[in-house]
Amino acid sequence: RKTALGLGLALSVGLVHTAELTADLQAKVSKYQKQLVEWAAHPLMLSATREANAKGGFLPGMTNAKWNDLDDKDPVVLSTLNSPAGQQIQKCEADKNLNKLFLRDQKANVIAGSSKTLLFNNGSRPAAVQALKGQAWMDNEIKPDPTTQIKSVQISAPILDGGKAIGILHGSVTAE
């Protein structure tokens, strides 16, 4: 039984194919990373992040498990899409070179987004870890995005308040 489980895990890990970035894709990702940094500085992103942090999160008490139980049309999910920050993010993400965009607070919890994200909190992921250190970040591999399943390169930028990272703007650049 343990051998079968180990084999199953090895096979499932092997299904995630990654590829290094071509020079053209690297240039495209760099362009969108710079754009993400600009969007992260938008006054609406800053005010929404400040407000969420002051309240202990946009949705205090929410967890990844509770989030996963919610339907895409649940009022709680829709509140992240229909807020002023959510509407601004959807305008930014209208560029079809991006396949997702999310605003997250200082704990990497969702504040607003272009769709329902797979993870309410992504605090242990490199996109969050690096941005919360105040650094713009981009992955160096093409992978299926966990939320959209589109081959993508993950990017993130910090939401800065007086030079201090207080949140994250996180997205995926379509690799195809």
C-alpha atoms as a PDB file:
ATOM      1  CA  ARG A   1       0.000   0.000   0.000  1.00  0.00           C
ATOM      2  CA  LYS A   2       2.809   2.437   0.874  1.00  0.00           C
ATOM      3  CA  THR A   3       4.575   1.552  -2.372  1.00  0.00           C
ATOM      4  CA  ALA A   4       1.419   2.214  -4.384  1.00  0.00           C
ATOM      5  CA  LEU A   5       0.929   5.547  -2.631  1.00  0.00           C
ATOM      6  CA  GLY A   6       4.553   6.527  -3.276  1.00  0.00           C
ATOM      7  CA  LEU A   7       4.250   5.539  -6.928  1.00  0.00           C
ATOM      8  CA  GLY A   8       1.021   7.531  -7.244  1.00  0.00           C
ATOM      9  CA  LEU A   9       2.678  10.603  -5.759  1.00  0.00           C
ATOM     10  CA  ALA A  10       5.707  10.195  -8.020  1.00  0.00           C
ATOM     11  CA  LEU A  11       3.459   9.907 -11.068  1.00  0.00           C
ATOM     12  CA  SER A  12       1.342  12.913 -10.122  1.00  0.00           C
ATOM     13  CA  VAL A  13       4.437  15.039  -9.497  1.00  0.00           C
ATOM     14  CA  GLY A  14       5.762  13.966 -12.886  1.00  0.00           C
ATOM     15  CA  LEU A  15       2.650  15.314 -14.598  1.00  0.00           C
ATOM     16  CA  VAL A  16       3.596  18.936 -13.936  1.00  0.00           C
ATOM     17  CA  HIS A  17       5.803  19.827 -16.867  1.00  0.00           C
ATOM     18  CA  THR A  18       7.910  22.926 -16.566  1.00  0.00           C
ATOM     19  CA  ALA A  19       9.950  24.688 -19.185  1.00  0.00           C
ATOM     20  CA  GLU A  20      12.538  27.422 -19.068  1.00  0.00           C
ATOM     21  CA  LEU A  21      11.706  30.815 -20.501  1.00  0.00           C
ATOM     22  CA  THR A  22      12.695  31.706 -24.057  1.00  0.00           C
ATOM     23  CA  ALA A  23      14.201  35.152 -24.642  1.00  0.00           C
ATOM     24  CA  ASP A  24      10.896  36.389 -26.141  1.00  0.00           C
ATOM     25  CA  LEU A  25       8.861  35.081 -23.220  1.00  0.00           C
ATOM     26  CA  GLN A  26      11.377  36.505 -20.738  1.00  0.00           C
ATOM     27  CA  ALA A  27      10.922  39.926 -22.357  1.00  0.00           C
ATOM     28  CA  LYS A  28       7.113  39.574 -22.227  1.00  0.00           C
ATOM     29  CA  VAL A  29       7.159  38.541 -18.559  1.00  0.00           C
ATOM     30  CA  SER A  30       9.549  41.388 -17.677  1.00  0.00           C
ATOM     31  CA  LYS A  31       7.222  43.860 -19.415  1.00  0.00           C
ATOM     32  CA  TYR A  32       4.231  42.650 -17.397  1.00  0.00           C
ATOM     33  CA  GLN A  33       6.216  42.549 -14.176  1.00  0.00           C
ATOM     34  CA  LYS A  34       7.017  46.259 -14.666  1.00  0.00           C
ATOM     35  CA  GLN A  35       3.322  46.885 -15.387  1.00  0.00           C
ATOM     36  CA  LEU A  36       2.390  45.002 -12.198  1.00  0.00           C
ATOM     37  CA  VAL A  37       4.706  47.256 -10.168  1.00  0.00           C
ATOM     38  CA  GLU A  38       2.913  50.312 -11.628  1.00  0.00           C
ATOM     39  CA  TRP A  39      -0.531  48.843 -10.903  1.00  0.00           C
ATOM     40  CA  ALA A  40       0.571  47.962  -7.361  1.00  0.00           C
ATOM     41  CA  ALA A  41       1.261  51.679  -6.789  1.00  0.00           C
ATOM     42  CA  HIS A  42      -2.294  52.683  -7.825  1.00  0.00           C
ATOM     43  CA  PRO A  43      -3.966  54.615  -4.960  1.00  0.00           C
ATOM     44  CA  LEU A  44      -6.958  52.236  -5.014  1.00  0.00           C
ATOM     45  CA  MET A  45      -4.696  49.191  -4.485  1.00  0.00           C
ATOM     46  CA  LEU A  46      -2.955  50.945  -1.606  1.00  0.00           C
ATOM     47  CA  SER A  47      -6.177  52.074   0.087  1.00  0.00           C
ATOM     48  CA  ALA A  48      -7.860  48.655  -0.282  1.00  0.00           C
ATOM     49  CA  THR A  49      -4.782  46.953   1.183  1.00  0.00           C
ATOM     50  CA  ARG A  50      -4.526  49.412   4.075  1.00  0.00           C
ATOM     51  CA  GLU A  51      -8.220  48.923   4.837  1.00  0.00           C
ATOM     52  CA  ALA A  52      -8.021  45.113   4.708  1.00  0.00           C
ATOM     53  CA  ASN A  53      -4.947  45.082   6.953  1.00  0.00           C
ATOM     54  CA  ALA A  54      -6.621  47.410   9.470  1.00  0.00           C
ATOM     55  CA  LYS A  55      -9.635  45.054   9.682  1.00  0.00           C
ATOM     56  CA  GLY A  56      -7.499  41.931  10.061  1.00  0.00           C
ATOM     57  CA  GLY A  57      -8.237  40.954   6.452  1.00  0.00           C
ATOM     58  CA  PHE A  58     -10.889  41.658   3.825  1.00  0.00           C
ATOM     59  CA  LEU A  59     -12.643  38.477   4.976  1.00  0.00           C
ATOM     60  CA  PRO A  60     -11.578  37.930   8.616  1.00  0.00           C
ATOM     61  CA  GLY A  61     -11.708  34.273   9.673  1.00  0.00           C
ATOM     62  CA  MET A  62     -11.572  32.924   6.107  1.00  0.00           C
ATOM     63  CA  THR A  63      -9.296  29.929   5.502  1.00  0.00           C
ATOM     64  CA  ASN A  64      -8.261  28.018   2.395  1.00  0.00           C
ATOM     65  CA  ALA A  65     -10.599  25.158   3.405  1.00  0.00           C
ATOM     66  CA  LYS A  66     -13.606  27.476   3.887  1.00  0.00           C
ATOM     67  CA  TRP A  67     -12.752  29.298   0.655  1.00  0.00           C
ATOM     68  CA  ASN A  68     -12.613  26.065  -1.327  1.00  0.00           C
ATOM     69  CA  ASP A  69     -16.114  25.180  -0.116  1.00  0.00           C
ATOM     70  CA  LEU A  70     -17.557  28.379  -1.601  1.00  0.00           C
ATOM     71  CA  ASP A  71     -19.204  28.400  -5.023  1.00  0.00           C
ATOM     72  CA  ASP A  72     -17.873  30.866  -7.602  1.00  0.00           C
ATOM     73  CA  LYS A  73     -21.162  32.796  -7.316  1.00  0.00           C
ATOM     74  CA  ASP A  74     -21.227  32.871  -3.498  1.00  0.00           C
ATOM     75  CA  PRO A  75     -21.706  36.454  -2.214  1.00  0.00           C
ATOM     76  CA  VAL A  76     -18.417  36.212  -0.297  1.00  0.00           C
ATOM     77  CA  VAL A  77     -16.519  35.364  -3.496  1.00  0.00           C
ATOM     78  CA  LEU A  78     -18.401  38.010  -5.460  1.00  0.00           C
ATOM     79  CA  SER A  79     -17.416  40.615  -2.847  1.00  0.00           C
ATOM     80  CA  THR A  80     -13.765  40.155  -3.916  1.00  0.00           C
ATOM     81  CA  LEU A  81     -14.722  40.656  -7.567  1.00  0.00           C
ATOM     82  CA  ASN A  82     -17.238  43.476  -7.232  1.00  0.00           C
ATOM     83  CA  SER A  83     -15.362  45.738  -4.823  1.00  0.00           C
ATOM     84  CA  PRO A  84     -13.768  48.876  -6.301  1.00  0.00           C
ATOM     85  CA  ALA A  85     -10.351  47.140  -6.141  1.00  0.00           C
ATOM     86  CA  GLY A  86     -11.824  44.040  -7.805  1.00  0.00           C
ATOM     87  CA  GLN A  87     -13.271  46.162 -10.604  1.00  0.00           C
ATOM     88  CA  GLN A  88      -9.907  47.912 -11.105  1.00  0.00           C
ATOM     89  CA  ILE A  89      -8.109  44.558 -11.208  1.00  0.00           C
ATOM     90  CA  GLN A  90     -10.530  43.258 -13.825  1.00  0.00           C
ATOM     91  CA  LYS A  91      -9.782  46.314 -15.987  1.00  0.00           C
ATOM     92  CA  CYS A  92      -6.059  45.604 -15.678  1.00  0.00           C
ATOM     93  CA  GLU A  93      -6.500  41.900 -16.361  1.00  0.00           C
ATOM     94  CA  ALA A  94      -8.560  42.581 -19.500  1.00  0.00           C
ATOM     95  CA  ASP A  95      -5.234  42.337 -21.326  1.00  0.00           C
ATOM     96  CA  LYS A  96      -5.362  38.738 -22.538  1.00  0.00           C
ATOM     97  CA  ASN A  97      -1.639  38.266 -21.906  1.00  0.00           C
ATOM     98  CA  LEU A  98      -2.611  37.966 -18.242  1.00  0.00           C
ATOM     99  CA  ASN A  99      -4.837  35.108 -17.127  1.00  0.00           C
ATOM    100  CA  LYS A 100      -5.310  36.082 -13.486  1.00  0.00           C
ATOM    101  CA  LEU A 101      -4.639  38.978 -11.143  1.00  0.00           C
ATOM    102  CA  PHE A 102      -5.159  39.143  -7.366  1.00  0.00           C
ATOM    103  CA  LEU A 103      -4.648  41.723  -4.646  1.00  0.00           C
ATOM    104  CA  ARG A 104      -3.593  40.211  -1.310  1.00  0.00           C
ATOM    105  CA  ASP A 105      -3.059  41.663   2.174  1.00  0.00           C
ATOM    106  CA  GLN A 106      -0.012  41.532   4.485  1.00  0.00           C
ATOM    107  CA  LYS A 107      -0.806  37.894   5.331  1.00  0.00           C
ATOM    108  CA  ALA A 108      -1.296  36.981   1.625  1.00  0.00           C
ATOM    109  CA  ASN A 109      -5.085  36.651   1.979  1.00  0.00           C
ATOM    110  CA  VAL A 110      -7.256  37.649  -0.979  1.00  0.00           C
ATOM    111  CA  ILE A 111      -8.652  41.168  -0.990  1.00  0.00           C
ATOM    112  CA  ALA A 112      -9.747  41.404  -4.619  1.00  0.00           C
ATOM    113  CA  GLY A 113      -9.335  39.562  -7.875  1.00  0.00           C
ATOM    114  CA  SER A 114     -10.287  38.944 -11.456  1.00  0.00           C
ATOM    115  CA  SER A 115     -11.873  35.564 -10.613  1.00  0.00           C
ATOM    116  CA  LYS A 116     -12.113  33.127  -7.703  1.00  0.00           C
ATOM    117  CA  THR A 117      -8.587  32.108  -6.860  1.00  0.00           C
ATOM    118  CA  LEU A 118      -7.718  28.528  -5.950  1.00  0.00           C
ATOM    119  CA  LEU A 119      -6.005  29.591  -2.709  1.00  0.00           C
ATOM    120  CA  PHE A 120      -7.458  32.197  -0.386  1.00  0.00           C
ATOM    121  CA  ASN A 121      -4.047  32.447   1.277  1.00  0.00           C
ATOM    122  CA  ASN A 122      -0.843  31.820  -0.650  1.00  0.00           C
ATOM    123  CA  GLY A 123       1.563  33.033   2.013  1.00  0.00           C
ATOM    124  CA  SER A 124       3.977  30.134   1.628  1.00  0.00           C
ATOM    125  CA  ARG A 125       4.334  30.539  -2.160  1.00  0.00           C
ATOM    126  CA  PRO A 126       7.333  32.392  -3.662  1.00  0.00           C
ATOM    127  CA  ALA A 127       5.063  35.030  -5.223  1.00  0.00           C
ATOM    128  CA  ALA A 128       3.908  36.075  -1.741  1.00  0.00           C
ATOM    129  CA  VAL A 129       7.140  35.522   0.155  1.00  0.00           C
ATOM    130  CA  GLN A 130       9.218  37.716  -2.166  1.00  0.00           C
ATOM    131  CA  ALA A 131       6.621  40.478  -2.563  1.00  0.00           C
ATOM    132  CA  LEU A 132       6.135  40.716   1.196  1.00  0.00           C
ATOM    133  CA  LYS A 133       9.893  41.281   1.455  1.00  0.00           C
ATOM    134  CA  GLY A 134       9.326  44.319  -0.787  1.00  0.00           C
ATOM    135  CA  GLN A 135      10.666  42.710  -3.960  1.00  0.00           C
ATOM    136  CA  ALA A 136       8.992  42.298  -7.336  1.00  0.00           C
ATOM    137  CA  TRP A 137       9.238  38.621  -8.305  1.00  0.00           C
ATOM    138  CA  MET A 138       8.863  36.416 -11.375  1.00  0.00           C
ATOM    139  CA  ASP A 139       9.091  32.660 -11.719  1.00  0.00           C
ATOM    140  CA  ASN A 140      11.715  31.292 -14.082  1.00  0.00           C
ATOM    141  CA  GLU A 141       9.586  28.412 -15.372  1.00  0.00           C
ATOM    142  CA  ILE A 142       6.427  27.878 -17.375  1.00  0.00           C
ATOM    143  CA  LYS A 143       3.872  25.886 -15.389  1.00  0.00           C
ATOM    144  CA  PRO A 144       0.130  25.310 -15.528  1.00  0.00           C
ATOM    145  CA  ASP A 145      -1.337  28.025 -13.314  1.00  0.00           C
ATOM    146  CA  PRO A 146      -3.003  26.458 -10.250  1.00  0.00           C
ATOM    147  CA  THR A 147      -6.129  28.605 -10.654  1.00  0.00           C
ATOM    148  CA  THR A 148      -6.561  28.753 -14.442  1.00  0.00           C
ATOM    149  CA  GLN A 149      -4.584  25.679 -15.605  1.00  0.00           C
ATOM    150  CA  ILE A 150      -3.172  27.847 -18.413  1.00  0.00           C
ATOM    151  CA  LYS A 151       0.563  27.509 -19.082  1.00  0.00           C
ATOM    152  CA  SER A 152       1.904  30.619 -17.384  1.00  0.00           C
ATOM    153  CA  VAL A 153       4.701  32.387 -15.607  1.00  0.00           C
ATOM    154  CA  GLN A 154       3.796  33.702 -12.142  1.00  0.00           C
ATOM    155  CA  ILE A 155       4.681  37.296 -11.230  1.00  0.00           C
ATOM    156  CA  SER A 156       4.144  39.474  -8.176  1.00  0.00           C
ATOM    157  CA  ALA A 157       4.826  42.968  -6.894  1.00  0.00           C
ATOM    158  CA  PRO A 158       4.610  44.433  -3.420  1.00  0.00           C
ATOM    159  CA  ILE A 159       1.999  46.974  -2.400  1.00  0.00           C
ATOM    160  CA  LEU A 160       4.245  49.558  -0.758  1.00  0.00           C
ATOM    161  CA  ASP A 161       3.214  52.057   1.897  1.00  0.00           C
ATOM    162  CA  GLY A 162       6.034  54.436   2.748  1.00  0.00           C
ATOM    163  CA  GLY A 163       8.528  51.912   1.385  1.00  0.00           C
ATOM    164  CA  LYS A 164       7.140  49.043   3.508  1.00  0.00           C
ATOM    165  CA  ALA A 165       5.455  46.045   1.867  1.00  0.00           C
ATOM    166  CA  ILE A 166       1.881  45.800   3.144  1.00  0.00           C
ATOM    167  CA  GLY A 167       0.389  43.536   0.464  1.00  0.00           C
ATOM    168  CA  ILE A 168       0.835  41.828  -2.867  1.00  0.00           C
ATOM    169  CA  LEU A 169      -0.382  42.153  -6.430  1.00  0.00           C
ATOM    170  CA  HIS A 170      -0.026  38.668  -7.929  1.00  0.00           C
ATOM    171  CA  GLY A 171      -0.696  37.496 -11.471  1.00  0.00           C
ATOM    172  CA  SER A 172       0.145  35.077 -14.242  1.00  0.00           C
ATOM    173  CA  VAL A 173       1.481  35.904 -17.682  1.00  0.00           C
ATOM    174  CA  THR A 174       0.165  33.549 -20.362  1.00  0.00           C
ATOM    175  CA  ALA A 175       3.094  31.660 -21.894  1.00  0.00           C
ATOM    176  CA  GLU A 176       1.420  30.674 -25.163  1.00  0.00           C
END
